[in-house]
Amino acid sequence: PKPKPKPNPKVRVELEVADAHQLPYADDSFDTVVDTFGLCSMEDPVRAVREMMRVCKPGGAILLLEHGRSPYDWLAKIQDKDAEKHAQRWGCYWNKDIGGILDAAGLDVQSRWDWHFGTTNYIRARPQQQRQ
């Protein structure tokens, strides 16, 4: 049998359910903020990104793995046509403009990688130095 990994007393993880639009944490609480495939499901994704920025420490990292609108017109048309059906089935709007959301929020994007005809996005960012 495989030996069980030993717990690391230096690593503490807590899981909480919270409203992404109004996080119950003080400003500058976290070194890193991570969101995976969440912006597509949020009522106000710009507000949620601004909350991520608020709770991230200056110089910290915001890591996003998202999916959204393709830059290819032929695929974007399919996404738009089926957006409501997709949202009813899967709970997300797959045609949201992720880049537009991040720009509107004022996020300082350091790097972005796109896959799957531009519909899957990995973004490394940091909060703006000046809070909005």
Protein backbone atom coordinates (compact mmCIF):
# COMPACT_ATOMS: atom_id res chain seq x y z
CA PRO A 1 0.00 0.00 0.00
CA LYS A 2 1.03 3.57 -0.73
CA PRO A 3 2.13 5.57 2.29
CA LYS A 4 -0.17 8.45 3.21
CA PRO A 5 1.30 11.90 2.65
CA LYS A 6 2.24 13.66 5.84
CA PRO A 7 0.28 16.81 6.62
CA ASN A 8 2.21 20.02 6.27
CA PRO A 9 1.54 22.12 9.38
CA LYS A 10 2.69 25.24 7.52
CA VAL A 11 -0.13 25.04 4.94
CA ARG A 12 -3.58 26.06 6.09
CA VAL A 13 -6.53 25.90 3.74
CA GLU A 14 -10.06 27.00 4.49
CA LEU A 15 -12.98 26.73 2.10
CA GLU A 16 -15.88 29.16 2.31
CA VAL A 17 -18.93 29.93 0.23
CA ALA A 18 -19.21 33.66 -0.47
CA ASP A 19 -20.79 36.10 -2.90
CA ALA A 20 -18.13 36.97 -5.49
CA HIS A 21 -19.71 40.41 -5.92
CA GLN A 22 -19.20 41.29 -2.25
CA LEU A 23 -16.44 39.22 -0.68
CA PRO A 24 -16.43 39.12 3.14
CA TYR A 25 -12.70 39.83 3.42
CA ALA A 26 -10.67 42.92 4.25
CA ASP A 27 -8.74 44.78 1.57
CA ASP A 28 -5.35 43.25 0.73
CA SER A 29 -6.13 39.90 2.41
CA PHE A 30 -4.62 37.40 -0.05
CA ASP A 31 -1.31 36.86 -1.83
CA THR A 32 -3.09 35.10 -4.69
CA VAL A 33 -6.70 35.09 -5.89
CA VAL A 34 -7.85 32.29 -8.23
CA ASP A 35 -11.03 31.99 -10.28
CA THR A 36 -11.74 29.06 -12.57
CA PHE A 37 -14.59 29.19 -15.05
CA GLY A 38 -16.57 31.59 -12.88
CA LEU A 39 -16.91 34.88 -14.75
CA CYS A 40 -19.28 33.29 -17.26
CA SER A 41 -21.75 32.51 -14.47
CA MET A 42 -21.62 35.76 -12.52
CA GLU A 43 -24.36 38.35 -12.72
CA ASP A 44 -21.84 41.22 -12.74
CA PRO A 45 -18.40 39.86 -13.67
CA VAL A 46 -16.80 43.34 -13.72
CA ARG A 47 -17.81 43.86 -10.09
CA ALA A 48 -16.51 40.39 -9.20
CA VAL A 49 -13.10 41.13 -10.78
CA ARG A 50 -12.94 44.42 -8.87
CA GLU A 51 -13.60 42.44 -5.68
CA MET A 52 -10.76 40.08 -6.57
CA MET A 53 -8.52 43.12 -7.01
CA ARG A 54 -9.67 44.58 -3.68
CA VAL A 55 -8.84 41.48 -1.64
CA CYS A 56 -5.54 40.78 -3.43
CA LYS A 57 -2.45 42.28 -1.79
CA PRO A 58 -0.46 44.85 -3.78
CA GLY A 59 2.10 42.92 -5.81
CA GLY A 60 -0.03 39.78 -5.46
CA ALA A 61 -1.35 37.60 -8.27
CA ILE A 62 -4.78 37.11 -9.77
CA LEU A 63 -4.99 33.88 -11.77
CA LEU A 64 -7.98 33.27 -14.02
CA LEU A 65 -8.90 30.24 -16.09
CA GLU A 66 -11.99 31.23 -18.03
CA HIS A 67 -13.95 30.54 -21.15
CA GLY A 68 -15.71 33.09 -23.26
CA ARG A 69 -16.44 34.51 -26.67
CA SER A 70 -14.23 33.36 -29.53
CA PRO A 71 -12.44 35.99 -31.63
CA TYR A 72 -13.41 33.93 -34.71
CA ASP A 73 -16.68 35.28 -36.13
CA TRP A 74 -17.94 31.90 -37.32
CA LEU A 75 -17.60 30.42 -33.83
CA ALA A 76 -18.80 33.55 -32.01
CA LYS A 77 -22.02 33.43 -34.07
CA ILE A 78 -22.63 29.86 -32.90
CA GLN A 79 -21.91 30.86 -29.30
CA ASP A 80 -24.31 33.81 -29.56
CA LYS A 81 -27.05 31.74 -31.20
CA ASP A 82 -26.87 29.03 -28.54
CA ALA A 83 -25.94 31.17 -25.50
CA GLU A 84 -29.32 31.01 -23.75
CA LYS A 85 -29.70 27.28 -24.37
CA HIS A 86 -26.17 26.68 -23.10
CA ALA A 87 -26.82 28.79 -19.98
CA GLN A 88 -30.00 26.91 -19.18
CA ARG A 89 -28.23 23.58 -19.46
CA TRP A 90 -24.83 24.39 -17.94
CA GLY A 91 -25.37 27.56 -15.89
CA CYS A 92 -22.97 29.78 -17.78
CA TYR A 93 -22.96 32.22 -20.66
CA TRP A 94 -20.15 31.00 -22.85
CA ASN A 95 -20.13 34.09 -25.05
CA LYS A 96 -19.01 36.71 -22.52
CA ASP A 97 -16.16 38.96 -23.65
CA ILE A 98 -13.50 38.07 -21.07
CA GLY A 99 -11.01 40.67 -22.31
CA GLY A 100 -13.70 43.37 -22.21
CA ILE A 101 -14.65 42.38 -18.65
CA LEU A 102 -11.03 42.58 -17.48
CA ASP A 103 -10.51 45.93 -19.22
CA ALA A 104 -13.69 47.38 -17.72
CA ALA A 105 -12.61 46.23 -14.26
CA GLY A 106 -9.19 47.84 -14.66
CA LEU A 107 -7.26 44.61 -14.09
CA ASP A 108 -3.53 44.79 -14.83
CA VAL A 109 -3.16 41.78 -17.16
CA GLN A 110 0.43 40.54 -17.23
CA SER A 111 -0.05 37.65 -19.65
CA ARG A 112 -2.82 35.80 -21.40
CA TRP A 113 -2.87 32.48 -23.23
CA ASP A 114 -5.82 31.37 -25.35
CA TRP A 115 -6.79 27.88 -26.53
CA HIS A 116 -9.72 26.17 -28.25
CA PHE A 117 -10.17 28.83 -30.93
CA GLY A 118 -9.81 31.54 -28.30
CA THR A 119 -12.65 30.28 -26.08
CA THR A 120 -10.45 29.11 -23.19
CA ASN A 121 -8.29 31.76 -21.53
CA TYR A 122 -5.58 31.61 -18.88
CA ILE A 123 -4.80 35.04 -17.47
CA ARG A 124 -2.06 36.07 -15.06
CA ALA A 125 -2.74 39.50 -13.63
CA ARG A 126 -2.24 41.71 -10.63
CA PRO A 127 -4.36 44.36 -9.00
CA GLN A 128 -3.80 47.95 -10.08
CA GLN A 129 -1.41 49.87 -7.84
CA GLN A 130 -4.02 52.59 -7.33
CA ARG A 131 -7.37 51.34 -6.07
CA GLN A 132 -10.36 52.54 -8.03
